Each structure stands twice: as structure tokens, then as C-alpha cells.
Amino acid sequence: MKLVIAVVQQRDARRLRDELVARDFRFTELGSTGGFLRDGSVTLIVGVADEQVEPLLELMAGCCQQREQVSNMAPPDTQTFVHALGEGMTVTVGGASIFVLNVERMIRV
């Protein structure tokens, strides 16, 4: 058994949730916030059998697309300089950060 933890941008979360439900994946959803852009994100926790991992990862990849966005946020050591210029920086957002962990034991009570 595996525990899949996926951090996805809020923009992608609704579609992913709908697809997970349609394919009978059970999950827990936690609201979260990214540390760099401070945009809303969603962390989904899914417990699956080993043979379900690849189909789940393919589903997540299909629902969570990367895209570019102009942001006025900058790394802390460059914020003053970037704000003085008044220019944003282009960053890649979206997609998903996915962690697949081994589960020693799962119990429902």
C-alpha cells in the first residue's frame, strides 16, 4: 500500500477532485499555502494499493498543468531591488508536487 500526497494549485484542485471521485479514489483534502508565491493550494492525501499508484499519477498529471505567471514576489534577498524596478518576474506555477510513501499499516476504526 502507498500513501500519495499531492500539493496542487487551487486552480487545478476542483478538476482533480472531480476526477478522483469519478474514479472511486478516496482522499482527504487540506487547504495549504505555497511558501514562495503565497498562492492558495490544496494538499490531497490518497491511500492506494500498489497497482493503483501509476493510474493515480497519470490522472494527477492530466489534471494539474504547469503554466507561467508574472509575479511581483521575489526571493527575500532581492525584494527591494525588484520592487524598485516595478517589474514582475515570470515563474512557472501549477502542476503538482507529488510524494509517494510506503505504508507499513493502515487501520480504520
PDB file of N, CA and C in Angstrom:
ATOM      1  N   MET A   1       0.841  -1.173   0.000  1.00  0.00           N
ATOM      2  CA  MET A   1       0.000   0.000   0.000  1.00  0.00           C
ATOM      3  C   MET A   1       0.888   1.238   0.000  1.00  0.00           C
ATOM      4  N   LYS A   2       0.388   2.298  -0.627  1.00  0.00           N
ATOM      5  CA  LYS A   2       1.124   3.559  -0.730  1.00  0.00           C
ATOM      6  C   LYS A   2       0.261   4.710  -0.233  1.00  0.00           C
ATOM      7  N   LEU A   3       0.931   5.730   0.266  1.00  0.00           N
ATOM      8  CA  LEU A   3       0.283   6.982   0.623  1.00  0.00           C
ATOM      9  C   LEU A   3       0.798   8.029  -0.352  1.00  0.00           C
ATOM     10  N   VAL A   4      -0.108   8.611  -1.113  1.00  0.00           N
ATOM     11  CA  VAL A   4       0.260   9.623  -2.105  1.00  0.00           C
ATOM     12  C   VAL A   4      -0.181  10.978  -1.565  1.00  0.00           C
ATOM     13  N   ILE A   5       0.773  11.889  -1.464  1.00  0.00           N
ATOM     14  CA  ILE A   5       0.498  13.251  -1.008  1.00  0.00           C
ATOM     15  C   ILE A   5       0.777  14.172  -2.184  1.00  0.00           C
ATOM     16  N   ALA A   6      -0.239  14.900  -2.618  1.00  0.00           N
ATOM     17  CA  ALA A   6      -0.100  15.780  -3.782  1.00  0.00           C
ATOM     18  C   ALA A   6      -0.453  17.208  -3.390  1.00  0.00           C
ATOM     19  N   VAL A   7       0.465  18.125  -3.648  1.00  0.00           N
ATOM     20  CA  VAL A   7       0.217  19.549  -3.425  1.00  0.00           C
ATOM     21  C   VAL A   7      -0.061  20.156  -4.795  1.00  0.00           C
ATOM     22  N   VAL A   8      -1.275  20.678  -4.977  1.00  0.00           N
ATOM     23  CA  VAL A   8      -1.685  21.217  -6.278  1.00  0.00           C
ATOM     24  C   VAL A   8      -2.191  22.644  -6.109  1.00  0.00           C
ATOM     25  N   GLN A   9      -2.058  23.420  -7.165  1.00  0.00           N
ATOM     26  CA  GLN A   9      -2.555  24.791  -7.135  1.00  0.00           C
ATOM     27  C   GLN A   9      -4.078  24.766  -7.064  1.00  0.00           C
ATOM     28  N   GLN A  10      -4.640  25.710  -6.336  1.00  0.00           N
ATOM     29  CA  GLN A  10      -6.090  25.741  -6.150  1.00  0.00           C
ATOM     30  C   GLN A  10      -6.827  25.737  -7.488  1.00  0.00           C
ATOM     31  N   ARG A  11      -6.252  26.376  -8.482  1.00  0.00           N
ATOM     32  CA  ARG A  11      -6.871  26.443  -9.808  1.00  0.00           C
ATOM     33  C   ARG A  11      -7.083  25.050 -10.408  1.00  0.00           C
ATOM     34  N   ASP A  12      -6.208  24.106 -10.085  1.00  0.00           N
ATOM     35  CA  ASP A  12      -6.298  22.745 -10.623  1.00  0.00           C
ATOM     36  C   ASP A  12      -7.084  21.799  -9.718  1.00  0.00           C
ATOM     37  N   ALA A  13      -7.330  22.207  -8.488  1.00  0.00           N
ATOM     38  CA  ALA A  13      -7.870  21.290  -7.477  1.00  0.00           C
ATOM     39  C   ALA A  13      -9.271  20.785  -7.797  1.00  0.00           C
ATOM     40  N   ARG A  14     -10.152  21.646  -8.258  1.00  0.00           N
ATOM     41  CA  ARG A  14     -11.544  21.219  -8.498  1.00  0.00           C
ATOM     42  C   ARG A  14     -11.604  20.096  -9.537  1.00  0.00           C
ATOM     43  N   ARG A  15     -10.920  20.293 -10.639  1.00  0.00           N
ATOM     44  CA  ARG A  15     -10.926  19.265 -11.687  1.00  0.00           C
ATOM     45  C   ARG A  15     -10.352  17.951 -11.157  1.00  0.00           C
ATOM     46  N   LEU A  16      -9.254  18.047 -10.419  1.00  0.00           N
ATOM     47  CA  LEU A  16      -8.640  16.837  -9.878  1.00  0.00           C
ATOM     48  C   LEU A  16      -9.578  16.138  -8.895  1.00  0.00           C
ATOM     49  N   ARG A  17     -10.207  16.894  -8.011  1.00  0.00           N
ATOM     50  CA  ARG A  17     -11.164  16.291  -7.068  1.00  0.00           C
ATOM     51  C   ARG A  17     -12.281  15.575  -7.810  1.00  0.00           C
ATOM     52  N   ASP A  18     -12.840  16.233  -8.824  1.00  0.00           N
ATOM     53  CA  ASP A  18     -13.929  15.622  -9.598  1.00  0.00           C
ATOM     54  C   ASP A  18     -13.484  14.317 -10.247  1.00  0.00           C
ATOM     55  N   GLU A  19     -12.283  14.308 -10.800  1.00  0.00           N
ATOM     56  CA  GLU A  19     -11.766  13.095 -11.451  1.00  0.00           C
ATOM     57  C   GLU A  19     -11.484  11.992 -10.430  1.00  0.00           C
ATOM     58  N   LEU A  20     -10.964  12.353  -9.277  1.00  0.00           N
ATOM     59  CA  LEU A  20     -10.715  11.348  -8.236  1.00  0.00           C
ATOM     60  C   LEU A  20     -12.015  10.691  -7.790  1.00  0.00           C
ATOM     61  N   VAL A  21     -13.044  11.496  -7.576  1.00  0.00           N
ATOM     62  CA  VAL A  21     -14.350  10.964  -7.163  1.00  0.00           C
ATOM     63  C   VAL A  21     -14.930  10.076  -8.260  1.00  0.00           C
ATOM     64  N   ALA A  22     -14.847  10.518  -9.508  1.00  0.00           N
ATOM     65  CA  ALA A  22     -15.400   9.752 -10.631  1.00  0.00           C
ATOM     66  C   ALA A  22     -14.728   8.387 -10.775  1.00  0.00           C
ATOM     67  N   ARG A  23     -13.473   8.281 -10.345  1.00  0.00           N
ATOM     68  CA  ARG A  23     -12.734   7.023 -10.471  1.00  0.00           C
ATOM     69  C   ARG A  23     -12.623   6.274  -9.134  1.00  0.00           C
ATOM     70  N   ASP A  24     -13.450   6.663  -8.179  1.00  0.00           N
ATOM     71  CA  ASP A  24     -13.547   5.984  -6.880  1.00  0.00           C
ATOM     72  C   ASP A  24     -12.269   6.010  -6.045  1.00  0.00           C
ATOM     73  N   PHE A  25     -11.448   7.044  -6.201  1.00  0.00           N
ATOM     74  CA  PHE A  25     -10.315   7.227  -5.298  1.00  0.00           C
ATOM     75  C   PHE A  25     -10.829   7.985  -4.077  1.00  0.00           C
ATOM     76  N   ARG A  26     -10.507   7.495  -2.901  1.00  0.00           N
ATOM     77  CA  ARG A  26     -10.877   8.193  -1.668  1.00  0.00           C
ATOM     78  C   ARG A  26      -9.696   9.061  -1.256  1.00  0.00           C
ATOM     79  N   PHE A  27      -9.993  10.246  -0.770  1.00  0.00           N
ATOM     80  CA  PHE A  27      -8.909  11.167  -0.431  1.00  0.00           C
ATOM     81  C   PHE A  27      -9.316  12.088   0.703  1.00  0.00           C
ATOM     82  N   THR A  28      -8.322  12.688   1.306  1.00  0.00           N
ATOM     83  CA  THR A  28      -8.517  13.738   2.300  1.00  0.00           C
ATOM     84  C   THR A  28      -7.893  14.997   1.731  1.00  0.00           C
ATOM     85  N   GLU A  29      -8.591  16.104   1.880  1.00  0.00           N
ATOM     86  CA  GLU A  29      -8.125  17.382   1.326  1.00  0.00           C
ATOM     87  C   GLU A  29      -7.796  18.351   2.454  1.00  0.00           C
ATOM     88  N   LEU A  30      -6.643  18.993   2.330  1.00  0.00           N
ATOM     89  CA  LEU A  30      -6.220  20.013   3.285  1.00  0.00           C
ATOM     90  C   LEU A  30      -5.930  21.300   2.528  1.00  0.00           C
ATOM     91  N   GLY A  31      -6.411  22.417   3.018  1.00  0.00           N
ATOM     92  CA  GLY A  31      -6.052  23.699   2.430  1.00  0.00           C
ATOM     93  C   GLY A  31      -4.616  24.023   2.808  1.00  0.00           C
ATOM     94  N   SER A  32      -3.867  24.605   1.890  1.00  0.00           N
ATOM     95  CA  SER A  32      -2.477  24.955   2.171  1.00  0.00           C
ATOM     96  C   SER A  32      -2.111  26.211   1.388  1.00  0.00           C
ATOM     97  N   THR A  33      -0.968  26.763   1.705  1.00  0.00           N
ATOM     98  CA  THR A  33      -0.496  27.967   1.028  1.00  0.00           C
ATOM     99  C   THR A  33       0.952  27.762   0.647  1.00  0.00           C
ATOM    100  N   GLY A  34       1.289  28.101  -0.600  1.00  0.00           N
ATOM    101  CA  GLY A  34       2.664  27.976  -1.053  1.00  0.00           C
ATOM    102  C   GLY A  34       3.569  28.976  -0.357  1.00  0.00           C
ATOM    103  N   GLY A  35       4.806  28.602  -0.126  1.00  0.00           N
ATOM    104  CA  GLY A  35       5.732  29.461   0.598  1.00  0.00           C
ATOM    105  C   GLY A  35       6.332  30.579  -0.219  1.00  0.00           C
ATOM    106  N   PHE A  36       6.444  30.429  -1.530  1.00  0.00           N
ATOM    107  CA  PHE A  36       7.089  31.453  -2.348  1.00  0.00           C
ATOM    108  C   PHE A  36       6.084  32.476  -2.846  1.00  0.00           C
ATOM    109  N   LEU A  37       5.092  32.042  -3.605  1.00  0.00           N
ATOM    110  CA  LEU A  37       4.103  32.970  -4.161  1.00  0.00           C
ATOM    111  C   LEU A  37       2.961  33.250  -3.192  1.00  0.00           C
ATOM    112  N   ARG A  38       2.843  32.430  -2.171  1.00  0.00           N
ATOM    113  CA  ARG A  38       1.782  32.550  -1.172  1.00  0.00           C
ATOM    114  C   ARG A  38       0.388  32.427  -1.783  1.00  0.00           C
ATOM    115  N   ASP A  39       0.307  31.718  -2.882  1.00  0.00           N
ATOM    116  CA  ASP A  39      -0.984  31.443  -3.507  1.00  0.00           C
ATOM    117  C   ASP A  39      -1.637  30.265  -2.802  1.00  0.00           C
ATOM    118  N   GLY A  40      -2.960  30.200  -2.924  1.00  0.00           N
ATOM    119  CA  GLY A  40      -3.683  29.086  -2.345  1.00  0.00           C
ATOM    120  C   GLY A  40      -3.348  27.787  -3.057  1.00  0.00           C
ATOM    121  N   SER A  41      -3.214  26.747  -2.274  1.00  0.00           N
ATOM    122  CA  SER A  41      -3.002  25.426  -2.842  1.00  0.00           C
ATOM    123  C   SER A  41      -3.803  24.433  -2.016  1.00  0.00           C
ATOM    124  N   VAL A  42      -3.862  23.229  -2.517  1.00  0.00           N
ATOM    125  CA  VAL A  42      -4.601  22.163  -1.858  1.00  0.00           C
ATOM    126  C   VAL A  42      -3.666  20.969  -1.747  1.00  0.00           C
ATOM    127  N   THR A  43      -3.651  20.350  -0.587  1.00  0.00           N
ATOM    128  CA  THR A  43      -2.881  19.130  -0.399  1.00  0.00           C
ATOM    129  C   THR A  43      -3.871  17.977  -0.307  1.00  0.00           C
ATOM    130  N   LEU A  44      -3.721  17.022  -1.208  1.00  0.00           N
ATOM    131  CA  LEU A  44      -4.590  15.842  -1.234  1.00  0.00           C
ATOM    132  C   LEU A  44      -3.797  14.640  -0.739  1.00  0.00           C
ATOM    133  N   ILE A  45      -4.402  13.882   0.146  1.00  0.00           N
ATOM    134  CA  ILE A  45      -3.777  12.683   0.692  1.00  0.00           C
ATOM    135  C   ILE A  45      -4.619  11.498   0.243  1.00  0.00           C
ATOM    136  N   VAL A  46      -3.975  10.554  -0.456  1.00  0.00           N
ATOM    137  CA  VAL A  46      -4.695   9.421  -1.035  1.00  0.00           C
ATOM    138  C   VAL A  46      -3.971   8.131  -0.656  1.00  0.00           C
ATOM    139  N   GLY A  47      -4.687   7.198  -0.056  1.00  0.00           N
ATOM    140  CA  GLY A  47      -4.138   5.879   0.207  1.00  0.00           C
ATOM    141  C   GLY A  47      -4.577   4.931  -0.897  1.00  0.00           C
ATOM    142  N   VAL A  48      -3.614   4.249  -1.528  1.00  0.00           N
ATOM    143  CA  VAL A  48      -3.947   3.363  -2.646  1.00  0.00           C
ATOM    144  C   VAL A  48      -3.138   2.071  -2.583  1.00  0.00           C
ATOM    145  N   ALA A  49      -3.676   1.042  -3.223  1.00  0.00           N
ATOM    146  CA  ALA A  49      -2.936  -0.203  -3.406  1.00  0.00           C
ATOM    147  C   ALA A  49      -1.786   0.061  -4.374  1.00  0.00           C
ATOM    148  N   ASP A  50      -0.741  -0.738  -4.284  1.00  0.00           N
ATOM    149  CA  ASP A  50       0.440  -0.537  -5.125  1.00  0.00           C
ATOM    150  C   ASP A  50       0.099  -0.431  -6.606  1.00  0.00           C
ATOM    151  N   GLU A  51      -0.831  -1.274  -7.071  1.00  0.00           N
ATOM    152  CA  GLU A  51      -1.160  -1.275  -8.504  1.00  0.00           C
ATOM    153  C   GLU A  51      -1.969  -0.045  -8.929  1.00  0.00           C
ATOM    154  N   GLN A  52      -2.465   0.730  -7.983  1.00  0.00           N
ATOM    155  CA  GLN A  52      -3.222   1.937  -8.319  1.00  0.00           C
ATOM    156  C   GLN A  52      -2.348   3.191  -8.410  1.00  0.00           C
ATOM    157  N   VAL A  53      -1.086   3.083  -8.032  1.00  0.00           N
ATOM    158  CA  VAL A  53      -0.221   4.268  -7.994  1.00  0.00           C
ATOM    159  C   VAL A  53      -0.052   4.881  -9.376  1.00  0.00           C
ATOM    160  N   GLU A  54       0.323   4.096 -10.366  1.00  0.00           N
ATOM    161  CA  GLU A  54       0.565   4.658 -11.703  1.00  0.00           C
ATOM    162  C   GLU A  54      -0.688   5.279 -12.313  1.00  0.00           C
ATOM    163  N   PRO A  55      -1.856   4.591 -12.269  1.00  0.00           N
ATOM    164  CA  PRO A  55      -3.064   5.246 -12.783  1.00  0.00           C
ATOM    165  C   PRO A  55      -3.375   6.558 -12.051  1.00  0.00           C
ATOM    166  N   LEU A  56      -3.136   6.591 -10.745  1.00  0.00           N
ATOM    167  CA  LEU A  56      -3.372   7.818  -9.979  1.00  0.00           C
ATOM    168  C   LEU A  56      -2.421   8.925 -10.422  1.00  0.00           C
ATOM    169  N   LEU A  57      -1.150   8.601 -10.599  1.00  0.00           N
ATOM    170  CA  LEU A  57      -0.176   9.607 -11.034  1.00  0.00           C
ATOM    171  C   LEU A  57      -0.507  10.139 -12.426  1.00  0.00           C
ATOM    172  N   GLU A  58      -0.953   9.261 -13.318  1.00  0.00           N
ATOM    173  CA  GLU A  58      -1.355   9.699 -14.660  1.00  0.00           C
ATOM    174  C   GLU A  58      -2.558  10.631 -14.589  1.00  0.00           C
ATOM    175  N   LEU A  59      -3.516  10.310 -13.740  1.00  0.00           N
ATOM    176  CA  LEU A  59      -4.690  11.155 -13.555  1.00  0.00           C
ATOM    177  C   LEU A  59      -4.280  12.532 -13.036  1.00  0.00           C
ATOM    178  N   MET A  60      -3.405  12.548 -12.050  1.00  0.00           N
ATOM    179  CA  MET A  60      -2.937  13.821 -11.492  1.00  0.00           C
ATOM    180  C   MET A  60      -2.188  14.644 -12.531  1.00  0.00           C
ATOM    181  N   ALA A  61      -1.356  13.991 -13.312  1.00  0.00           N
ATOM    182  CA  ALA A  61      -0.609  14.706 -14.353  1.00  0.00           C
ATOM    183  C   ALA A  61      -1.547  15.308 -15.392  1.00  0.00           C
ATOM    184  N   GLY A  62      -2.639  14.623 -15.690  1.00  0.00           N
ATOM    185  CA  GLY A  62      -3.594  15.136 -16.667  1.00  0.00           C
ATOM    186  C   GLY A  62      -4.422  16.302 -16.162  1.00  0.00           C
ATOM    187  N   CYS A  63      -4.586  16.398 -14.850  1.00  0.00           N
ATOM    188  CA  CYS A  63      -5.422  17.459 -14.264  1.00  0.00           C
ATOM    189  C   CYS A  63      -4.626  18.673 -13.804  1.00  0.00           C
ATOM    190  N   CYS A  64      -3.353  18.522 -13.597  1.00  0.00           N
ATOM    191  CA  CYS A  64      -2.540  19.591 -13.000  1.00  0.00           C
ATOM    192  C   CYS A  64      -1.505  20.073 -14.006  1.00  0.00           C
ATOM    193  N   GLN A  65      -1.818  21.150 -14.676  1.00  0.00           N
ATOM    194  CA  GLN A  65      -0.964  21.659 -15.744  1.00  0.00           C
ATOM    195  C   GLN A  65      -0.075  22.798 -15.259  1.00  0.00           C
ATOM    196  N   GLN A  66       1.185  22.782 -15.692  1.00  0.00           N
ATOM    197  CA  GLN A  66       2.074  23.903 -15.405  1.00  0.00           C
ATOM    198  C   GLN A  66       1.783  25.042 -16.365  1.00  0.00           C
ATOM    199  N   ARG A  67       1.954  26.267 -15.887  1.00  0.00           N
ATOM    200  CA  ARG A  67       1.772  27.456 -16.718  1.00  0.00           C
ATOM    201  C   ARG A  67       2.660  28.559 -16.154  1.00  0.00           C
ATOM    202  N   GLU A  68       2.870  29.593 -16.953  1.00  0.00           N
ATOM    203  CA  GLU A  68       3.692  30.709 -16.494  1.00  0.00           C
ATOM    204  C   GLU A  68       2.812  31.832 -15.986  1.00  0.00           C
ATOM    205  N   GLN A  69       3.316  32.542 -14.985  1.00  0.00           N
ATOM    206  CA  GLN A  69       2.572  33.635 -14.371  1.00  0.00           C
ATOM    207  C   GLN A  69       3.574  34.725 -13.994  1.00  0.00           C
ATOM    208  N   VAL A  70       3.187  35.972 -14.179  1.00  0.00           N
ATOM    209  CA  VAL A  70       4.039  37.080 -13.763  1.00  0.00           C
ATOM    210  C   VAL A  70       3.720  37.381 -12.308  1.00  0.00           C
ATOM    211  N   SER A  71       4.759  37.445 -11.496  1.00  0.00           N
ATOM    212  CA  SER A  71       4.580  37.677 -10.068  1.00  0.00           C
ATOM    213  C   SER A  71       5.458  38.825  -9.611  1.00  0.00           C
ATOM    214  N   ASN A  72       4.947  39.619  -8.691  1.00  0.00           N
ATOM    215  CA  ASN A  72       5.754  40.671  -8.088  1.00  0.00           C
ATOM    216  C   ASN A  72       6.493  40.174  -6.854  1.00  0.00           C
ATOM    217  N   MET A  73       6.284  38.915  -6.522  1.00  0.00           N
ATOM    218  CA  MET A  73       7.015  38.326  -5.402  1.00  0.00           C
ATOM    219  C   MET A  73       8.409  37.980  -5.884  1.00  0.00           C
ATOM    220  N   ALA A  74       9.369  38.123  -5.010  1.00  0.00           N
ATOM    221  CA  ALA A  74      10.752  37.799  -5.341  1.00  0.00           C
ATOM    222  C   ALA A  74      11.387  37.144  -4.127  1.00  0.00           C
ATOM    223  N   PRO A  75      12.486  36.442  -4.345  1.00  0.00           N
ATOM    224  CA  PRO A  75      13.181  35.882  -3.189  1.00  0.00           C
ATOM    225  C   PRO A  75      13.510  36.997  -2.199  1.00  0.00           C
ATOM    226  N   PRO A  76      13.498  36.714  -0.897  1.00  0.00           N
ATOM    227  CA  PRO A  76      13.681  37.754   0.117  1.00  0.00           C
ATOM    228  C   PRO A  76      14.902  38.637  -0.089  1.00  0.00           C
ATOM    229  N   ASP A  77      16.006  38.091  -0.551  1.00  0.00           N
ATOM    230  CA  ASP A  77      17.215  38.900  -0.696  1.00  0.00           C
ATOM    231  C   ASP A  77      17.174  39.841  -1.895  1.00  0.00           C
ATOM    232  N   THR A  78      16.147  39.726  -2.762  1.00  0.00           N
ATOM    233  CA  THR A  78      16.060  40.597  -3.944  1.00  0.00           C
ATOM    234  C   THR A  78      14.787  41.431  -3.970  1.00  0.00           C
ATOM    235  N   GLN A  79      13.938  41.337  -2.950  1.00  0.00           N
ATOM    236  CA  GLN A  79      12.638  42.009  -2.981  1.00  0.00           C
ATOM    237  C   GLN A  79      12.754  43.517  -3.143  1.00  0.00           C
ATOM    238  N   THR A  80      13.637  44.164  -2.416  1.00  0.00           N
ATOM    239  CA  THR A  80      13.768  45.620  -2.506  1.00  0.00           C
ATOM    240  C   THR A  80      14.151  46.022  -3.914  1.00  0.00           C
ATOM    241  N   PHE A  81      15.082  45.316  -4.516  1.00  0.00           N
ATOM    242  CA  PHE A  81      15.536  45.624  -5.865  1.00  0.00           C
ATOM    243  C   PHE A  81      14.414  45.432  -6.881  1.00  0.00           C
ATOM    244  N   VAL A  82      13.695  44.324  -6.789  1.00  0.00           N
ATOM    245  CA  VAL A  82      12.614  44.041  -7.736  1.00  0.00           C
ATOM    246  C   VAL A  82      11.498  45.064  -7.597  1.00  0.00           C
ATOM    247  N   HIS A  83      11.116  45.409  -6.368  1.00  0.00           N
ATOM    248  CA  HIS A  83      10.047  46.392  -6.163  1.00  0.00           C
ATOM    249  C   HIS A  83      10.467  47.770  -6.667  1.00  0.00           C
ATOM    250  N   ALA A  84      11.734  48.114  -6.534  1.00  0.00           N
ATOM    251  CA  ALA A  84      12.214  49.411  -7.021  1.00  0.00           C
ATOM    252  C   ALA A  84      12.106  49.484  -8.536  1.00  0.00           C
ATOM    253  N   LEU A  85      12.331  48.384  -9.209  1.00  0.00           N
ATOM    254  CA  LEU A  85      12.228  48.354 -10.671  1.00  0.00           C
ATOM    255  C   LEU A  85      10.779  48.353 -11.132  1.00  0.00           C
ATOM    256  N   GLY A  86       9.891  47.878 -10.271  1.00  0.00           N
ATOM    257  CA  GLY A  86       8.476  47.822 -10.635  1.00  0.00           C
ATOM    258  C   GLY A  86       8.156  46.735 -11.640  1.00  0.00           C
ATOM    259  N   GLU A  87       9.052  45.804 -11.809  1.00  0.00           N
ATOM    260  CA  GLU A  87       8.838  44.722 -12.770  1.00  0.00           C
ATOM    261  C   GLU A  87       8.557  43.428 -12.026  1.00  0.00           C
ATOM    262  N   GLY A  88       7.675  42.654 -12.601  1.00  0.00           N
ATOM    263  CA  GLY A  88       7.434  41.335 -12.046  1.00  0.00           C
ATOM    264  C   GLY A  88       8.395  40.340 -12.663  1.00  0.00           C
ATOM    265  N   MET A  89       8.395  39.170 -12.122  1.00  0.00           N
ATOM    266  CA  MET A  89       9.211  38.111 -12.706  1.00  0.00           C
ATOM    267  C   MET A  89       8.290  36.979 -13.127  1.00  0.00           C
ATOM    268  N   THR A  90       8.650  36.316 -14.206  1.00  0.00           N
ATOM    269  CA  THR A  90       7.852  35.211 -14.713  1.00  0.00           C
ATOM    270  C   THR A  90       8.275  33.935 -13.998  1.00  0.00           C
ATOM    271  N   VAL A  91       7.289  33.245 -13.440  1.00  0.00           N
ATOM    272  CA  VAL A  91       7.554  31.997 -12.739  1.00  0.00           C
ATOM    273  C   VAL A  91       6.626  30.912 -13.274  1.00  0.00           C
ATOM    274  N   THR A  92       7.051  29.680 -13.166  1.00  0.00           N
ATOM    275  CA  THR A  92       6.220  28.546 -13.554  1.00  0.00           C
ATOM    276  C   THR A  92       5.397  28.134 -12.339  1.00  0.00           C
ATOM    277  N   VAL A  93       4.083  28.034 -12.526  1.00  0.00           N
ATOM    278  CA  VAL A  93       3.177  27.639 -11.447  1.00  0.00           C
ATOM    279  C   VAL A  93       2.335  26.466 -11.923  1.00  0.00           C
ATOM    280  N   GLY A  94       1.567  25.922 -11.028  1.00  0.00           N
ATOM    281  CA  GLY A  94       0.695  24.818 -11.392  1.00  0.00           C
ATOM    282  C   GLY A  94       1.441  23.502 -11.350  1.00  0.00           C
ATOM    283  N   GLY A  95       0.907  22.547 -12.044  1.00  0.00           N
ATOM    284  CA  GLY A  95       1.472  21.213 -11.944  1.00  0.00           C
ATOM    285  C   GLY A  95       1.162  20.659 -10.567  1.00  0.00           C
ATOM    286  N   ALA A  96       1.954  19.756 -10.107  1.00  0.00           N
ATOM    287  CA  ALA A  96       1.750  19.187  -8.777  1.00  0.00           C
ATOM    288  C   ALA A  96       3.084  18.719  -8.225  1.00  0.00           C
ATOM    289  N   SER A  97       3.226  18.812  -6.928  1.00  0.00           N
ATOM    290  CA  SER A  97       4.350  18.188  -6.229  1.00  0.00           C
ATOM    291  C   SER A  97       3.760  16.954  -5.563  1.00  0.00           C
ATOM    292  N   ILE A  98       4.245  15.790  -5.979  1.00  0.00           N
ATOM    293  CA  ILE A  98       3.636  14.532  -5.546  1.00  0.00           C
ATOM    294  C   ILE A  98       4.672  13.684  -4.807  1.00  0.00           C
ATOM    295  N   PHE A  99       4.283  13.195  -3.656  1.00  0.00           N
ATOM    296  CA  PHE A  99       5.135  12.337  -2.846  1.00  0.00           C
ATOM    297  C   PHE A  99       4.445  10.983  -2.721  1.00  0.00           C
ATOM    298  N   VAL A 100       5.184   9.903  -2.960  1.00  0.00           N
ATOM    299  CA  VAL A 100       4.644   8.549  -2.836  1.00  0.00           C
ATOM    300  C   VAL A 100       5.426   7.853  -1.719  1.00  0.00           C
ATOM    301  N   LEU A 101       4.701   7.468  -0.677  1.00  0.00           N
ATOM    302  CA  LEU A 101       5.329   6.884   0.507  1.00  0.00           C
ATOM    303  C   LEU A 101       4.820   5.464   0.737  1.00  0.00           C
ATOM    304  N   ASN A 102       5.698   4.616   1.231  1.00  0.00           N
ATOM    305  CA  ASN A 102       5.281   3.268   1.625  1.00  0.00           C
ATOM    306  C   ASN A 102       4.457   3.347   2.904  1.00  0.00           C
ATOM    307  N   VAL A 103       3.435   2.509   2.986  1.00  0.00           N
ATOM    308  CA  VAL A 103       2.597   2.441   4.184  1.00  0.00           C
ATOM    309  C   VAL A 103       2.822   1.082   4.827  1.00  0.00           C
ATOM    310  N   GLU A 104       3.278   1.101   6.043  1.00  0.00           N
ATOM    311  CA  GLU A 104       3.503  -0.156   6.748  1.00  0.00           C
ATOM    312  C   GLU A 104       2.182  -0.801   7.145  1.00  0.00           C
ATOM    313  N   ARG A 105       1.239   0.036   7.558  1.00  0.00           N
ATOM    314  CA  ARG A 105      -0.037  -0.491   8.032  1.00  0.00           C
ATOM    315  C   ARG A 105      -1.075   0.621   8.000  1.00  0.00           C
ATOM    316  N   MET A 106      -2.320   0.258   7.653  1.00  0.00           N
ATOM    317  CA  MET A 106      -3.422   1.216   7.653  1.00  0.00           C
ATOM    318  C   MET A 106      -4.576   0.577   8.398  1.00  0.00           C
ATOM    319  N   ILE A 107      -5.151   1.342   9.324  1.00  0.00           N
ATOM    320  CA  ILE A 107      -6.232   0.818  10.153  1.00  0.00           C
ATOM    321  C   ILE A 107      -7.399   1.794  10.107  1.00  0.00           C
ATOM    322  N   ARG A 108      -8.608   1.265   9.925  1.00  0.00           N
ATOM    323  CA  ARG A 108      -9.826   2.076  10.052  1.00  0.00           C
ATOM    324  C   ARG A 108     -10.540   1.630  11.309  1.00  0.00           C
ATOM    325  N   VAL A 109     -10.918   2.583  12.129  1.00  0.00           N
ATOM    326  CA  VAL A 109     -11.618   2.228  13.371  1.00  0.00           C
ATOM    327  C   VAL A 109     -12.954   2.932  13.432  1.00  0.00           C
TER     328      VAL A 109
END
